[in-house]
Amino acid sequence: MATKPLIVSVTSGKGGVGKTFISINLAATLAKMGKKILVVDCDLGLANIDIMLGINPQKTLQDVIFGSMELKDIVIRTEGGFDLVPSSSGVREMAQLLFEKIALIKSMILSFTDYDLIILDTGAGISEVVLQFNLLASKNIVIINSELTCLTDAYSMIKVMFQVFGREDFSIIVNAVSDGNEAERLVSHMSSICKKFLGFPLEHIGHITKDDGVQKSIMRREIAVLAAPKSGIARNFHQLAKAILSWQPAA
C-alpha cells in the first residue's frame, strides 16, 4: 500500500524572516537526497518562489481558482530537482479567497500521491488563508530569527493555532544566527513561554547561520545549497533535511 506524502508547512508570524528561502533550499536538499518533493506556493497574494528561482510560469494557482485548470496541470519542474505549484503576485482576489476556494486547493493538494513530501510555503501572519494551509499540514515548521517582533508574532500565531484549532506540535527553525548556541537560546526562551502559557514545548529542528552567500544567491536567483554545496549553509540544510525525514508520513 502506498503511503500518503508527508505534508509540511513552512510559516512565520511576520514577513521577511527568510521563509521562502528556507522552503526552496530545503526542497532542493531533500531532492538531492533522492526524495520526490513538491513545493506549493501558498502565499497567494504575494507569491515569490518563481521570482526567487528566476522562472516565469505560464499558468499559476490563479488559473486553477478562477479558471478550469487543476493543480496537476500547472506543476513545474525546477532546476532544484523539485516540482513547484506556482502562485500569483499582486492579485487582490487571491489574497481574499472564500473558504470554498481554499477548500478546493486543499483537496487538490491532498490528491497528490506520488511525492514523498509536500512543502506548503505559506504567507505570514494569522489570516484565514494562512491558517487553513497550516491546518492542512501534519507538521508545522515556524521560522524565527532574533528580532523581538519576529518572536512575538511567531508566538501569537502559535497561540491562535492552539486556542482555535487545538494544534500543539510546532517545529522551529532559527534563521540568520551566528551559531547553534544562539539558536538554542532563542528556541529555549520561546519554548519556555509556550510551555508556561499554552502548556506545551516547541521542537527545535535546526538553524541557518548568517552568511553573505544568502543574499548573493537571492540576487542571482540561485539556490544557495546548489550554488555552494560545501558551504556551512548547505550543511545546515542537510541537518534540517535529516530531521524532517525522521518524521513519519500520515498513514
Protein backbone atom coordinates (compact mmCIF):
# COMPACT_ATOMS: atom_id res chain seq x y z
CA MET A 1 0.00 0.00 0.00
CA ALA A 2 1.37 3.42 -0.97
CA THR A 3 1.76 5.91 1.83
CA LYS A 4 0.46 9.44 1.58
CA PRO A 5 3.04 12.22 1.20
CA LEU A 6 4.07 13.95 4.40
CA ILE A 7 2.64 17.49 4.20
CA VAL A 8 4.72 20.13 5.95
CA SER A 9 4.01 23.85 6.19
CA VAL A 10 6.79 26.44 6.39
CA THR A 11 5.33 29.52 8.01
CA SER A 12 6.12 32.58 10.15
CA GLY A 13 4.45 35.17 12.31
CA LYS A 14 5.77 38.07 10.24
CA GLY A 15 7.19 38.54 6.78
CA GLY A 16 10.83 38.98 5.84
CA VAL A 17 12.30 36.22 8.01
CA GLY A 18 13.56 34.01 5.16
CA LYS A 19 10.65 31.59 4.96
CA THR A 20 10.67 31.15 1.19
CA PHE A 21 14.48 30.94 1.05
CA ILE A 22 14.29 28.09 3.55
CA SER A 23 11.46 26.31 1.67
CA ILE A 24 13.39 26.37 -1.61
CA ASN A 25 16.72 25.25 -0.19
CA LEU A 26 15.12 22.59 1.97
CA ALA A 27 13.28 21.22 -1.08
CA ALA A 28 16.49 21.18 -3.14
CA THR A 29 18.39 19.42 -0.34
CA LEU A 30 15.70 16.76 0.04
CA ALA A 31 15.56 16.27 -3.73
CA LYS A 32 19.35 15.82 -3.81
CA MET A 33 18.89 13.10 -1.16
CA GLY A 34 16.68 11.20 -3.61
CA LYS A 35 13.26 12.30 -2.37
CA LYS A 36 10.42 13.38 -4.65
CA ILE A 37 9.39 16.83 -3.45
CA LEU A 38 6.54 19.17 -4.33
CA VAL A 39 6.55 22.80 -3.17
CA VAL A 40 3.26 24.70 -3.23
CA ASP A 41 3.50 28.49 -3.14
CA CYS A 42 0.65 29.21 -0.72
CA ASP A 43 1.42 32.91 -0.33
CA LEU A 44 -1.50 33.53 -2.65
CA GLY A 45 -1.44 37.32 -2.86
CA LEU A 46 2.32 37.89 -2.71
CA ALA A 47 3.87 34.79 -4.27
CA ASN A 48 7.60 34.98 -4.92
CA ILE A 49 9.06 31.49 -5.33
CA ASP A 50 9.01 31.84 -9.12
CA ILE A 51 10.89 35.15 -8.81
CA MET A 52 13.50 33.66 -6.49
CA LEU A 53 14.02 30.77 -8.92
CA GLY A 54 14.17 33.03 -11.97
CA ILE A 55 11.27 31.35 -13.75
CA ASN A 56 8.19 32.76 -15.47
CA PRO A 57 5.30 30.30 -15.12
CA GLN A 58 2.69 30.36 -17.86
CA LYS A 59 -0.03 29.14 -15.50
CA THR A 60 -0.46 29.66 -11.75
CA LEU A 61 -2.89 28.91 -8.93
CA GLN A 62 -4.96 31.82 -10.22
CA ASP A 63 -5.81 29.72 -13.30
CA VAL A 64 -6.97 26.90 -11.03
CA ILE A 65 -9.08 29.06 -8.72
CA PHE A 66 -10.66 31.32 -11.33
CA GLY A 67 -10.35 29.02 -14.35
CA SER A 68 -10.90 25.39 -15.25
CA MET A 69 -7.42 24.00 -14.67
CA GLU A 70 -6.42 21.51 -11.99
CA LEU A 71 -3.40 21.69 -9.73
CA LYS A 72 -1.61 18.89 -11.58
CA ASP A 73 -1.89 20.91 -14.81
CA ILE A 74 0.29 23.77 -13.55
CA VAL A 75 3.11 21.83 -11.84
CA ILE A 76 6.57 22.98 -12.98
CA ARG A 77 9.84 21.04 -12.72
CA THR A 78 12.59 23.26 -11.28
CA GLU A 79 16.37 23.26 -11.62
CA GLY A 80 16.47 22.43 -7.92
CA GLY A 81 15.18 18.94 -8.68
CA PHE A 82 11.78 19.51 -7.06
CA ASP A 83 8.36 20.29 -8.52
CA LEU A 84 6.57 23.59 -7.93
CA VAL A 85 2.96 24.74 -7.91
CA PRO A 86 3.40 28.48 -8.60
CA SER A 87 1.03 31.19 -7.43
CA SER A 88 0.43 34.77 -8.50
CA SER A 89 1.50 38.08 -7.03
CA GLY A 90 -0.31 41.38 -6.77
CA VAL A 91 -3.78 39.90 -7.32
CA ARG A 92 -6.11 41.16 -4.60
CA GLU A 93 -8.74 38.48 -5.17
CA MET A 94 -6.14 35.77 -4.48
CA ALA A 95 -5.38 37.20 -1.04
CA GLN A 96 -9.06 37.30 -0.09
CA LEU A 97 -10.32 33.90 -1.17
CA LEU A 98 -13.64 32.50 0.01
CA PHE A 99 -13.45 29.40 2.18
CA GLU A 100 -14.82 27.26 -0.69
CA LYS A 101 -11.89 28.24 -2.92
CA ILE A 102 -9.36 27.47 -0.17
CA ALA A 103 -11.05 24.10 0.38
CA LEU A 104 -10.76 23.38 -3.37
CA ILE A 105 -7.00 23.96 -3.33
CA LYS A 106 -6.60 21.87 -0.19
CA SER A 107 -8.49 18.94 -1.70
CA MET A 108 -6.34 19.10 -4.84
CA ILE A 109 -3.14 19.11 -2.75
CA LEU A 110 -4.40 16.03 -0.91
CA SER A 111 -4.96 14.28 -4.24
CA PHE A 112 -1.21 14.16 -4.95
CA THR A 113 0.08 10.71 -4.04
CA ASP A 114 3.38 10.32 -5.91
CA TYR A 115 5.52 12.58 -3.72
CA ASP A 116 7.49 11.75 -0.59
CA LEU A 117 6.98 15.23 0.84
CA ILE A 118 4.84 18.27 0.05
CA ILE A 119 6.08 21.61 1.36
CA LEU A 120 3.49 24.38 1.75
CA ASP A 121 5.27 27.74 1.68
CA THR A 122 2.59 29.82 3.40
CA GLY A 123 2.13 33.53 3.79
CA ALA A 124 2.99 35.18 7.10
CA GLY A 125 0.62 36.03 9.92
CA ILE A 126 -2.76 34.73 11.00
CA SER A 127 -5.11 35.40 8.08
CA GLU A 128 -7.68 32.69 7.33
CA VAL A 129 -5.78 31.62 4.19
CA VAL A 130 -2.53 31.17 6.14
CA LEU A 131 -4.23 29.31 8.98
CA GLN A 132 -6.07 26.94 6.62
CA PHE A 133 -2.88 25.88 4.85
CA ASN A 134 -1.14 25.38 8.19
CA LEU A 135 -4.05 23.17 9.26
CA LEU A 136 -3.71 21.08 6.10
CA ALA A 137 -0.14 20.18 7.06
CA SER A 138 0.53 17.39 9.52
CA LYS A 139 3.70 19.21 10.59
CA ASN A 140 4.09 22.97 11.06
CA ILE A 141 7.57 24.49 10.77
CA VAL A 142 7.78 28.03 12.15
CA ILE A 143 10.68 30.23 11.04
CA ILE A 144 12.04 32.71 13.57
CA ASN A 145 15.07 34.97 13.92
CA SER A 146 16.46 37.08 16.75
CA GLU A 147 14.19 40.10 16.13
CA LEU A 148 11.79 40.75 19.01
CA THR A 149 8.87 41.42 16.65
CA CYS A 150 9.52 38.14 14.86
CA LEU A 151 9.46 36.21 18.14
CA THR A 152 6.31 37.89 19.44
CA ASP A 153 4.48 37.43 16.14
CA ALA A 154 5.52 33.77 15.95
CA TYR A 155 4.21 33.21 19.47
CA SER A 156 0.93 34.93 18.56
CA MET A 157 0.48 32.65 15.55
CA ILE A 158 1.23 29.53 17.60
CA LYS A 159 -1.22 30.75 20.26
CA VAL A 160 -4.01 31.19 17.70
CA MET A 161 -3.33 27.78 16.13
CA PHE A 162 -3.54 26.20 19.58
CA GLN A 163 -6.51 28.08 21.04
CA VAL A 164 -8.70 28.00 17.91
CA PHE A 165 -7.68 24.71 16.28
CA GLY A 166 -6.03 22.70 19.06
CA ARG A 167 -2.58 22.41 17.45
CA GLU A 168 0.20 21.61 19.93
CA ASP A 169 3.03 20.38 17.69
CA PHE A 170 5.31 23.08 16.26
CA SER A 171 8.86 22.71 14.96
CA ILE A 172 11.20 25.70 14.97
CA ILE A 173 13.96 26.67 12.53
CA VAL A 174 16.03 29.69 13.57
CA ASN A 175 17.32 31.75 10.65
CA ALA A 176 20.31 34.09 10.42
CA VAL A 177 22.05 33.25 13.70
CA SER A 178 25.77 33.31 14.48
CA ASP A 179 25.86 29.71 15.69
CA GLY A 180 23.89 26.84 17.17
CA ASN A 181 24.19 28.20 20.70
CA GLU A 182 22.36 31.41 19.77
CA ALA A 183 19.65 29.36 18.05
CA GLU A 184 19.27 27.12 21.09
CA ARG A 185 18.90 30.10 23.43
CA LEU A 186 16.17 31.65 21.28
CA VAL A 187 14.18 28.43 20.97
CA SER A 188 14.62 27.61 24.65
CA HIS A 189 13.27 31.02 25.65
CA MET A 190 10.29 30.78 23.31
CA SER A 191 9.61 27.18 24.26
CA SER A 192 9.54 28.02 27.96
CA ILE A 193 6.94 30.74 27.29
CA CYS A 194 4.79 28.32 25.27
CA LYS A 195 5.05 25.70 28.00
CA LYS A 196 4.09 28.21 30.70
CA PHE A 197 1.14 29.86 28.95
CA LEU A 198 -0.03 27.24 26.42
CA GLY A 199 1.02 24.01 28.11
CA PHE A 200 3.39 22.53 25.53
CA PRO A 201 7.05 22.98 24.46
CA LEU A 202 8.43 23.60 20.96
CA GLU A 203 10.65 21.29 18.93
CA HIS A 204 13.96 22.77 17.74
CA ILE A 205 14.95 21.05 14.49
CA GLY A 206 17.84 23.26 13.38
CA HIS A 207 19.17 26.62 12.31
CA ILE A 208 20.67 28.55 9.41
CA THR A 209 23.82 30.55 10.12
CA LYS A 210 24.38 34.09 8.88
CA ASP A 211 26.22 34.03 5.55
CA ASP A 212 26.89 36.64 2.87
CA GLY A 213 26.14 33.93 0.32
CA VAL A 214 22.46 34.02 1.21
CA GLN A 215 21.82 37.49 -0.19
CA LYS A 216 24.08 36.82 -3.16
CA SER A 217 22.15 33.67 -4.06
CA ILE A 218 18.84 35.55 -3.80
CA MET A 219 20.09 38.40 -6.02
CA ARG A 220 21.43 35.90 -8.57
CA ARG A 221 18.23 33.83 -8.37
CA GLU A 222 20.27 30.79 -7.43
CA ILE A 223 19.55 28.02 -4.94
CA ALA A 224 22.22 28.51 -2.28
CA VAL A 225 22.74 24.83 -1.40
CA LEU A 226 23.35 24.01 -5.07
CA ALA A 227 25.48 27.07 -5.81
CA ALA A 228 27.74 26.34 -2.80
CA PRO A 229 27.26 22.65 -1.89
CA LYS A 230 30.16 22.61 0.59
CA SER A 231 29.14 25.76 2.46
CA GLY A 232 28.03 25.99 6.07
CA ILE A 233 24.52 26.78 4.87
CA ALA A 234 24.44 23.57 2.81
CA ARG A 235 25.45 21.63 5.93
CA ASN A 236 22.72 23.40 7.92
CA PHE A 237 20.10 22.36 5.38
CA HIS A 238 21.39 18.79 5.28
CA GLN A 239 20.86 18.54 9.04
CA LEU A 240 17.37 20.02 8.71
CA ALA A 241 16.52 17.58 5.92
CA LYS A 242 17.64 14.63 8.05
CA ALA A 243 15.44 15.85 10.93
CA ILE A 244 12.42 16.15 8.65
CA LEU A 245 12.99 12.73 7.08
CA SER A 246 12.80 11.24 10.57
CA TRP A 247 9.12 12.26 10.70
CA GLN A 248 6.71 9.54 9.69
CA PRO A 249 4.18 10.34 6.94
CA ALA A 250 0.49 10.06 7.66
CA ALA A 251 -0.90 6.54 7.41
